[in-house]
Amino acid sequence: MSELLTVSEVANILRVDDTTVRRWVKQGALEAIILPHVNERQAYRIKRETLNKLLTGESELTHA
């Protein structure tokens, strides 16, 4: 089973703002798991393997 990362963890690794990661998820450029939420903000988790693909250049984000 793949490790799940929070939006903040992914943002820190990629050195971008949390908002950027959320936008990529909403645009479909970054695959994420949507968690049930009770707050006004949608909660996401990104698989470590998804992030690794992004970092190795196998993601749509690197081709945009």
N, C-alpha and C. Protein backbone atom coordinates (compact mmCIF):
# COMPACT_ATOMS: atom_id res chain seq x y z
N MET A 1 0.85 -1.19 0.00
CA MET A 1 0.00 0.00 0.00
C MET A 1 0.89 1.25 0.00
N SER A 2 0.51 2.22 -0.79
CA SER A 2 1.30 3.42 -0.95
C SER A 2 1.07 4.38 0.22
N GLU A 3 2.12 5.09 0.57
CA GLU A 3 2.03 6.11 1.60
C GLU A 3 1.19 7.26 1.08
N LEU A 4 0.33 7.81 1.94
CA LEU A 4 -0.51 8.94 1.57
C LEU A 4 0.04 10.22 2.18
N LEU A 5 0.14 11.25 1.36
CA LEU A 5 0.67 12.53 1.79
C LEU A 5 -0.43 13.58 1.81
N THR A 6 -0.32 14.53 2.72
CA THR A 6 -1.27 15.64 2.77
C THR A 6 -0.90 16.67 1.71
N VAL A 7 -1.82 17.58 1.46
CA VAL A 7 -1.57 18.68 0.52
C VAL A 7 -0.36 19.49 0.99
N SER A 8 -0.28 19.76 2.28
CA SER A 8 0.84 20.54 2.82
C SER A 8 2.17 19.83 2.63
N GLU A 9 2.19 18.52 2.84
CA GLU A 9 3.43 17.76 2.66
C GLU A 9 3.88 17.80 1.21
N VAL A 10 2.95 17.63 0.29
CA VAL A 10 3.28 17.69 -1.14
C VAL A 10 3.76 19.09 -1.51
N ALA A 11 3.08 20.10 -1.00
CA ALA A 11 3.48 21.49 -1.28
C ALA A 11 4.89 21.76 -0.79
N ASN A 12 5.23 21.28 0.39
CA ASN A 12 6.58 21.48 0.92
C ASN A 12 7.62 20.77 0.07
N ILE A 13 7.34 19.56 -0.36
CA ILE A 13 8.28 18.80 -1.19
C ILE A 13 8.51 19.50 -2.53
N LEU A 14 7.42 20.01 -3.12
CA LEU A 14 7.51 20.65 -4.43
C LEU A 14 7.87 22.13 -4.35
N ARG A 15 7.91 22.64 -3.12
CA ARG A 15 8.20 24.06 -2.88
C ARG A 15 7.22 24.98 -3.59
N VAL A 16 5.94 24.65 -3.43
CA VAL A 16 4.86 25.49 -3.94
C VAL A 16 3.87 25.72 -2.80
N ASP A 17 2.91 26.57 -3.02
CA ASP A 17 1.88 26.85 -2.02
C ASP A 17 0.83 25.74 -2.02
N ASP A 18 0.19 25.54 -0.87
CA ASP A 18 -0.89 24.56 -0.76
C ASP A 18 -1.96 24.80 -1.83
N THR A 19 -2.24 26.07 -2.09
CA THR A 19 -3.27 26.43 -3.07
C THR A 19 -2.92 25.90 -4.45
N THR A 20 -1.65 25.91 -4.80
CA THR A 20 -1.21 25.40 -6.09
C THR A 20 -1.48 23.90 -6.20
N VAL A 21 -1.15 23.16 -5.15
CA VAL A 21 -1.40 21.72 -5.14
C VAL A 21 -2.89 21.45 -5.27
N ARG A 22 -3.71 22.18 -4.53
CA ARG A 22 -5.17 22.00 -4.62
C ARG A 22 -5.69 22.31 -6.03
N ARG A 23 -5.14 23.33 -6.67
CA ARG A 23 -5.56 23.68 -8.03
C ARG A 23 -5.20 22.56 -9.00
N TRP A 24 -3.99 21.99 -8.86
CA TRP A 24 -3.58 20.89 -9.73
C TRP A 24 -4.52 19.70 -9.56
N VAL A 25 -4.92 19.42 -8.32
CA VAL A 25 -5.85 18.32 -8.07
C VAL A 25 -7.20 18.61 -8.73
N LYS A 26 -7.72 19.81 -8.54
CA LYS A 26 -9.02 20.18 -9.11
C LYS A 26 -9.00 20.17 -10.63
N GLN A 27 -7.85 20.51 -11.22
CA GLN A 27 -7.71 20.52 -12.68
C GLN A 27 -7.49 19.12 -13.24
N GLY A 28 -7.26 18.15 -12.35
CA GLY A 28 -7.03 16.79 -12.79
C GLY A 28 -5.59 16.51 -13.19
N ALA A 29 -4.71 17.46 -12.95
CA ALA A 29 -3.30 17.28 -13.32
C ALA A 29 -2.54 16.47 -12.29
N LEU A 30 -3.05 16.41 -11.06
CA LEU A 30 -2.42 15.65 -9.99
C LEU A 30 -3.48 14.76 -9.37
N GLU A 31 -3.27 13.46 -9.47
CA GLU A 31 -4.25 12.50 -8.96
C GLU A 31 -4.24 12.52 -7.43
N ALA A 32 -5.43 12.54 -6.85
CA ALA A 32 -5.54 12.57 -5.38
C ALA A 32 -6.76 11.77 -4.94
N ILE A 33 -6.71 11.36 -3.69
CA ILE A 33 -7.84 10.70 -3.05
C ILE A 33 -8.63 11.78 -2.32
N ILE A 34 -9.93 11.81 -2.56
CA ILE A 34 -10.78 12.80 -1.90
C ILE A 34 -11.35 12.17 -0.63
N LEU A 35 -11.10 12.81 0.50
CA LEU A 35 -11.57 12.30 1.78
C LEU A 35 -12.92 12.90 2.12
N PRO A 36 -13.76 12.14 2.84
CA PRO A 36 -15.01 12.73 3.33
C PRO A 36 -14.64 13.90 4.25
N HIS A 37 -15.39 14.97 4.17
CA HIS A 37 -15.04 16.14 4.97
C HIS A 37 -16.25 16.73 5.67
N VAL A 38 -15.99 17.35 6.80
CA VAL A 38 -17.03 18.05 7.55
C VAL A 38 -16.76 19.54 7.54
N ASN A 39 -15.56 19.93 7.18
CA ASN A 39 -15.21 21.35 7.10
C ASN A 39 -15.61 21.89 5.74
N GLU A 40 -15.41 23.18 5.56
CA GLU A 40 -15.73 23.80 4.27
C GLU A 40 -14.69 23.48 3.20
N ARG A 41 -13.48 23.09 3.62
CA ARG A 41 -12.41 22.81 2.66
C ARG A 41 -12.32 21.31 2.38
N GLN A 42 -12.26 20.97 1.11
CA GLN A 42 -12.12 19.57 0.68
C GLN A 42 -10.76 19.04 1.11
N ALA A 43 -10.73 17.82 1.63
CA ALA A 43 -9.46 17.22 2.07
C ALA A 43 -8.99 16.21 1.02
N TYR A 44 -7.72 16.27 0.70
CA TYR A 44 -7.12 15.38 -0.28
C TYR A 44 -5.93 14.66 0.32
N ARG A 45 -5.61 13.51 -0.25
CA ARG A 45 -4.36 12.81 0.04
C ARG A 45 -3.77 12.39 -1.30
N ILE A 46 -2.48 12.56 -1.42
CA ILE A 46 -1.78 12.23 -2.65
C ILE A 46 -0.86 11.05 -2.36
N LYS A 47 -0.92 10.05 -3.23
CA LYS A 47 -0.06 8.87 -3.04
C LYS A 47 1.39 9.25 -3.28
N ARG A 48 2.27 8.68 -2.48
CA ARG A 48 3.71 8.91 -2.64
C ARG A 48 4.16 8.52 -4.05
N GLU A 49 3.62 7.43 -4.59
CA GLU A 49 4.02 7.00 -5.94
C GLU A 49 3.58 8.01 -7.00
N THR A 50 2.46 8.68 -6.79
CA THR A 50 2.02 9.74 -7.71
C THR A 50 3.01 10.90 -7.68
N LEU A 51 3.43 11.27 -6.48
CA LEU A 51 4.41 12.34 -6.35
C LEU A 51 5.74 11.94 -6.98
N ASN A 52 6.15 10.71 -6.77
CA ASN A 52 7.40 10.22 -7.37
C ASN A 52 7.36 10.30 -8.89
N LYS A 53 6.20 9.96 -9.49
CA LYS A 53 6.06 10.07 -10.95
C LYS A 53 6.22 11.52 -11.39
N LEU A 54 5.64 12.43 -10.62
CA LEU A 54 5.76 13.85 -10.93
C LEU A 54 7.23 14.28 -10.89
N LEU A 55 7.93 13.84 -9.86
CA LEU A 55 9.32 14.24 -9.69
C LEU A 55 10.26 13.62 -10.71
N THR A 56 9.88 12.48 -11.29
CA THR A 56 10.72 11.85 -12.30
C THR A 56 10.32 12.24 -13.73
N GLY A 57 9.34 13.15 -13.83
CA GLY A 57 8.98 13.66 -15.15
C GLY A 57 7.95 12.84 -15.88
N GLU A 58 7.25 11.95 -15.19
CA GLU A 58 6.24 11.11 -15.84
C GLU A 58 4.82 11.66 -15.66
N SER A 59 4.70 12.91 -15.24
CA SER A 59 3.40 13.50 -14.97
C SER A 59 3.01 14.53 -16.02
N GLU A 60 1.72 14.79 -16.13
CA GLU A 60 1.21 15.82 -17.03
C GLU A 60 1.70 17.21 -16.63
N LEU A 61 1.94 17.42 -15.33
CA LEU A 61 2.39 18.73 -14.87
C LEU A 61 3.73 19.12 -15.48
N THR A 62 4.59 18.14 -15.68
CA THR A 62 5.91 18.45 -16.22
C THR A 62 5.87 18.73 -17.71
N HIS A 63 4.74 18.41 -18.34
CA HIS A 63 4.60 18.64 -19.79
C HIS A 63 3.74 19.85 -20.10
N ALA A 64 3.27 20.53 -19.06
CA ALA A 64 2.38 21.68 -19.25
C ALA A 64 3.16 22.93 -19.56
